[in-house]
N, C-alpha and C. Protein backbone atom coordinates (compact mmCIF):
# COMPACT_ATOMS: atom_id res chain seq x y z
N MET A 1 91.49 110.59 109.79
CA MET A 1 92.46 111.24 109.47
C MET A 1 93.08 111.77 108.60
N LEU A 2 93.26 112.75 107.49
CA LEU A 2 93.53 112.65 106.53
C LEU A 2 95.22 112.73 106.68
N THR A 3 95.90 112.40 105.87
CA THR A 3 97.15 112.70 105.34
C THR A 3 97.32 113.74 104.08
N ALA A 4 98.47 114.55 104.70
CA ALA A 4 99.13 115.32 103.90
C ALA A 4 99.96 115.11 102.82
N ASP A 5 100.03 115.02 101.26
CA ASP A 5 100.77 115.00 100.66
C ASP A 5 101.12 113.62 101.00
N ASN A 6 100.28 112.61 100.96
CA ASN A 6 100.85 111.26 101.04
C ASN A 6 102.10 110.97 102.19
N ARG A 7 102.03 111.99 103.31
CA ARG A 7 102.95 111.93 104.27
C ARG A 7 102.53 110.65 105.62
N ASN A 8 103.52 110.46 106.60
CA ASN A 8 103.23 109.32 107.43
C ASN A 8 102.52 110.07 108.47
N LEU A 9 101.95 109.55 109.32
CA LEU A 9 100.49 109.91 110.36
C LEU A 9 101.54 109.48 111.73
N GLU A 10 102.22 110.15 112.32
CA GLU A 10 102.47 110.34 113.90
C GLU A 10 101.46 110.47 115.17
N PHE A 11 101.33 109.67 116.62
CA PHE A 11 100.53 109.79 117.47
C PHE A 11 101.53 109.70 118.66
N GLN A 12 101.20 110.60 119.40
CA GLN A 12 102.09 110.23 120.74
C GLN A 12 100.94 110.19 122.55
N LEU A 13 101.05 108.89 122.52
CA LEU A 13 99.84 108.23 123.21
C LEU A 13 100.74 108.63 125.06
N ALA A 14 100.84 109.36 125.69
CA ALA A 14 101.80 109.65 126.74
C ALA A 14 103.16 109.16 126.93
N HIS A 15 103.89 107.66 126.91
CA HIS A 15 105.24 107.43 126.75
C HIS A 15 105.55 106.98 125.46
N LEU A 16 103.93 106.72 124.56
CA LEU A 16 104.72 105.89 123.99
C LEU A 16 104.34 106.41 121.97
N GLY A 17 104.58 106.71 121.36
CA GLY A 17 105.17 107.05 119.56
C GLY A 17 104.64 105.90 119.26
N VAL A 18 103.57 105.83 118.01
CA VAL A 18 103.48 105.65 117.08
C VAL A 18 103.25 106.17 115.74
N VAL A 19 104.25 105.45 114.69
CA VAL A 19 104.43 105.85 112.88
C VAL A 19 104.00 104.86 112.48
N LEU A 20 102.52 105.80 111.44
CA LEU A 20 102.34 105.00 110.48
C LEU A 20 103.24 105.17 109.20
N LEU A 21 104.31 104.70 108.71
CA LEU A 21 105.09 104.72 107.90
C LEU A 21 104.39 104.25 106.68
N PHE A 22 104.07 105.40 105.06
CA PHE A 22 103.48 104.69 103.97
C PHE A 22 104.38 104.42 102.90
N LEU A 23 104.90 103.24 102.69
CA LEU A 23 105.81 102.55 101.37
C LEU A 23 105.23 101.91 100.35
N SER A 24 105.58 102.32 99.37
CA SER A 24 104.73 101.62 97.91
C SER A 24 106.29 100.86 97.49
N ASP A 25 106.59 99.38 97.19
CA ASP A 25 107.10 98.66 96.68
C ASP A 25 106.70 97.83 95.26
N GLY A 26 105.33 98.17 95.25
CA GLY A 26 104.85 97.42 93.84
C GLY A 26 104.21 95.80 94.31
N THR A 27 104.48 95.21 95.25
CA THR A 27 104.42 93.36 95.80
C THR A 27 102.94 93.52 96.74
N THR A 28 102.82 93.21 97.58
CA THR A 28 101.31 92.76 98.38
C THR A 28 101.98 94.08 99.46
N THR A 29 100.43 93.63 99.62
CA THR A 29 99.81 94.91 100.98
C THR A 29 100.56 94.43 102.13
N ARG A 30 100.87 95.39 103.45
CA ARG A 30 101.72 94.20 104.03
C ARG A 30 102.08 95.93 105.16
N MET A 31 102.62 94.98 106.45
CA MET A 31 102.80 95.37 107.67
C MET A 31 104.00 95.13 108.16
N GLU A 32 104.77 95.52 108.69
CA GLU A 32 105.99 95.24 109.43
C GLU A 32 106.04 96.74 110.25
N ALA A 33 106.63 95.68 111.47
CA ALA A 33 106.58 96.59 112.96
C ALA A 33 108.55 96.32 113.36
N LYS A 34 108.35 98.03 114.02
CA LYS A 34 109.62 97.63 114.51
C LYS A 34 109.41 98.94 115.81
N SER A 35 110.49 99.27 116.85
CA SER A 35 110.26 100.09 117.97
C SER A 35 111.68 100.27 118.15
N ASP A 36 111.85 101.20 118.91
CA ASP A 36 113.16 101.46 119.31
C ASP A 36 113.66 102.23 120.60
N ALA A 37 114.12 102.86 120.79
CA ALA A 37 114.77 103.15 122.02
C ALA A 37 113.96 103.38 122.96
N THR A 38 113.64 104.72 122.32
CA THR A 38 112.84 105.57 122.09
C THR A 38 111.31 105.55 123.10
N SER A 39 110.42 104.54 122.62
CA SER A 39 109.53 104.36 123.21
C SER A 39 108.16 104.04 122.10
N THR A 40 108.95 104.46 120.35
CA THR A 40 108.11 104.47 119.72
C THR A 40 108.18 103.55 118.79
N LEU A 41 106.71 103.44 118.17
CA LEU A 41 106.84 101.93 117.60
C LEU A 41 106.58 102.79 116.15
N THR A 42 106.90 101.88 114.62
CA THR A 42 106.91 102.13 113.72
C THR A 42 106.51 101.50 113.04
N LEU A 43 105.16 101.51 112.21
CA LEU A 43 104.44 100.55 111.31
C LEU A 43 104.41 101.04 110.23
N THR A 44 105.69 99.78 109.81
CA THR A 44 105.80 100.33 108.15
C THR A 44 104.78 99.81 106.86
N LEU A 45 103.70 100.03 106.74
CA LEU A 45 102.62 99.91 105.59
C LEU A 45 103.00 100.56 104.24
N TYR A 46 102.94 98.59 103.93
CA TYR A 46 103.47 99.05 102.23
C TYR A 46 102.35 99.13 101.46
N ASN A 47 102.13 99.54 100.24
CA ASN A 47 101.49 99.47 98.75
C ASN A 47 100.18 99.47 99.61
N PHE A 48 99.39 100.31 100.51
CA PHE A 48 97.99 101.12 101.14
C PHE A 48 97.24 101.33 100.37
N ASN A 49 97.40 101.36 99.03
CA ASN A 49 97.05 102.31 97.77
C ASN A 49 95.51 101.64 97.82
N ASN A 50 94.29 101.59 98.05
CA ASN A 50 93.82 100.60 97.88
C ASN A 50 92.50 101.59 97.90
N SER A 51 91.76 102.02 97.06
CA SER A 51 90.09 103.16 97.31
C SER A 51 89.13 102.05 98.12
N ILE A 52 88.79 101.05 98.04
CA ILE A 52 87.79 100.01 99.41
C ILE A 52 88.72 99.92 99.64
N GLY A 53 89.92 100.26 100.46
CA GLY A 53 90.81 99.99 102.24
C GLY A 53 91.79 98.92 101.80
N ALA A 54 92.59 98.83 103.00
CA ALA A 54 93.64 98.13 103.62
C ALA A 54 93.32 98.44 104.46
N GLY A 55 93.79 97.21 105.84
CA GLY A 55 93.77 97.19 107.19
C GLY A 55 93.76 96.14 108.38
N THR A 56 93.66 96.56 109.54
CA THR A 56 93.38 95.16 110.27
C THR A 56 92.49 94.47 110.46
N THR A 57 92.46 93.48 110.20
CA THR A 57 90.91 92.63 110.32
C THR A 57 90.77 92.32 111.93
N SER A 58 91.33 92.44 112.61
CA SER A 58 91.18 92.94 114.28
C SER A 58 91.79 93.61 115.24
N PRO A 59 91.64 94.02 115.93
CA PRO A 59 92.92 94.98 116.90
C PRO A 59 94.17 94.18 116.86
N ILE A 60 95.23 94.90 116.92
CA ILE A 60 96.52 94.25 116.58
C ILE A 60 97.26 94.88 118.29
N GLU A 61 98.04 93.93 119.40
CA GLU A 61 98.45 94.62 120.11
C GLU A 61 99.98 95.35 120.03
N ILE A 62 99.48 96.78 120.25
CA ILE A 62 100.76 97.40 119.82
C ILE A 62 101.77 97.38 121.19
N GLY A 63 101.27 97.56 122.09
CA GLY A 63 102.64 97.97 123.60
C GLY A 63 101.52 97.49 124.54
N THR A 64 102.03 98.36 125.83
CA THR A 64 100.80 97.99 127.59
C THR A 64 100.88 99.59 127.70
N PHE A 65 99.95 99.97 128.21
CA PHE A 65 99.55 101.86 128.52
C PHE A 65 98.80 101.22 129.70
N ASN A 66 99.54 102.00 130.71
CA ASN A 66 98.75 102.45 132.53
C ASN A 66 98.54 100.61 132.88
N GLY A 67 99.82 99.83 132.20
CA GLY A 67 99.51 98.25 132.93
C GLY A 67 98.64 97.51 132.44
N ARG A 68 97.78 98.07 131.25
CA ARG A 68 96.75 97.48 130.25
C ARG A 68 97.12 97.07 129.36
N LYS A 69 96.99 96.17 128.11
CA LYS A 69 97.12 95.65 126.40
C LYS A 69 96.95 97.21 125.54
N LEU A 70 97.65 97.47 124.77
CA LEU A 70 96.96 98.93 123.87
C LEU A 70 96.76 97.97 122.29
N LEU A 71 96.26 98.51 122.22
CA LEU A 71 95.57 97.98 120.79
C LEU A 71 95.27 99.10 119.58
N LEU A 72 95.33 98.45 118.53
CA LEU A 72 94.90 99.40 117.12
C LEU A 72 94.35 98.66 115.91
N ALA A 73 93.36 99.29 115.95
CA ALA A 73 92.81 99.08 114.65
C ALA A 73 92.90 100.10 114.32
N PHE A 74 92.86 100.03 112.25
CA PHE A 74 93.11 100.95 111.16
C PHE A 74 93.01 100.41 110.36
N MET A 75 92.14 101.68 109.03
CA MET A 75 91.69 101.12 107.59
C MET A 75 92.29 102.66 107.50
N VAL A 76 92.84 102.09 106.16
CA VAL A 76 93.74 103.27 104.75
C VAL A 76 92.94 102.96 103.74
N TYR A 77 92.53 103.89 102.76
CA TYR A 77 92.55 104.06 101.58
C TYR A 77 93.11 105.61 100.75
N ALA A 78 93.00 104.94 99.43
CA ALA A 78 93.77 106.09 98.91
C ALA A 78 93.63 105.58 97.48
N LEU A 79 93.32 106.74 96.97
CA LEU A 79 93.08 106.65 95.75
C LEU A 79 94.62 106.33 94.60
N SER A 80 95.89 106.81 94.36
CA SER A 80 96.31 106.13 93.98
C SER A 80 98.00 105.82 95.18
N GLU A 81 98.56 105.59 94.71
CA GLU A 81 100.01 105.13 95.34
C GLU A 81 100.33 106.93 95.89
N GLU A 82 100.59 108.00 94.83
CA GLU A 82 100.68 109.29 95.34
C GLU A 82 99.66 109.78 96.40
N SER A 83 98.35 109.75 96.05
CA SER A 83 97.99 111.07 96.88
C SER A 83 97.82 110.70 98.63
N SER A 84 96.60 111.63 98.73
CA SER A 84 96.24 111.95 100.34
C SER A 84 95.89 110.11 100.41
N LYS A 85 95.54 109.88 102.28
CA LYS A 85 95.13 108.77 102.01
C LYS A 85 94.19 108.95 103.67
N THR A 86 93.22 108.48 103.52
CA THR A 86 92.20 108.46 104.45
C THR A 86 92.19 107.54 105.51
N VAL A 87 92.69 107.87 106.63
CA VAL A 87 92.96 106.26 107.56
C VAL A 87 92.25 106.48 108.99
N HIS A 88 91.34 105.58 109.47
CA HIS A 88 90.04 105.54 109.90
C HIS A 88 90.99 104.09 110.85
N TYR A 89 91.06 105.35 112.48
CA TYR A 89 92.09 104.30 112.98
C TYR A 89 91.25 103.94 114.86
N THR A 90 91.31 103.13 115.77
CA THR A 90 91.09 103.33 116.62
C THR A 90 92.06 102.83 117.50
N PHE A 91 92.47 103.85 119.00
CA PHE A 91 92.69 103.02 119.59
C PHE A 91 92.31 102.19 120.92
N MET A 92 92.60 101.45 121.56
CA MET A 92 91.85 100.79 122.70
C MET A 92 92.83 100.19 123.84
N LEU A 93 92.18 100.05 124.81
CA LEU A 93 92.91 99.00 125.97
C LEU A 93 92.46 98.04 126.36
N GLY A 94 92.76 97.09 126.44
CA GLY A 94 92.64 95.67 126.39
C GLY A 94 92.52 95.19 128.38
N ASP A 95 93.08 94.35 128.13
CA ASP A 95 93.19 93.04 129.74
C ASP A 95 94.18 94.11 130.41
N HIS A 96 94.59 93.78 131.55
CA HIS A 96 95.61 94.30 132.57
C HIS A 96 96.77 93.26 132.22
N VAL A 97 97.78 93.31 132.07
CA VAL A 97 99.26 92.38 131.65
C VAL A 97 99.63 92.34 133.10
């Protein structure tokens, strides 16, 4: 998937919303997670501006879906801070909780 004008990506999986929020602060590549009362998980991705890619090294658990663990793996590619980003992502279902 390509972002438009370096904008965020938003996914809706039944009751769960997932937002990938891209920010740059000139430091290291890192991720922060925050959820709110409306079942939306926001993953703030700082400094994901690398042309060779930055992302998860293994799937991360982000919630539950139909009684099973919901996992996400992704890789983000960008030519610069301001450029659109190419995001490869996979949502997976894990074991029952």
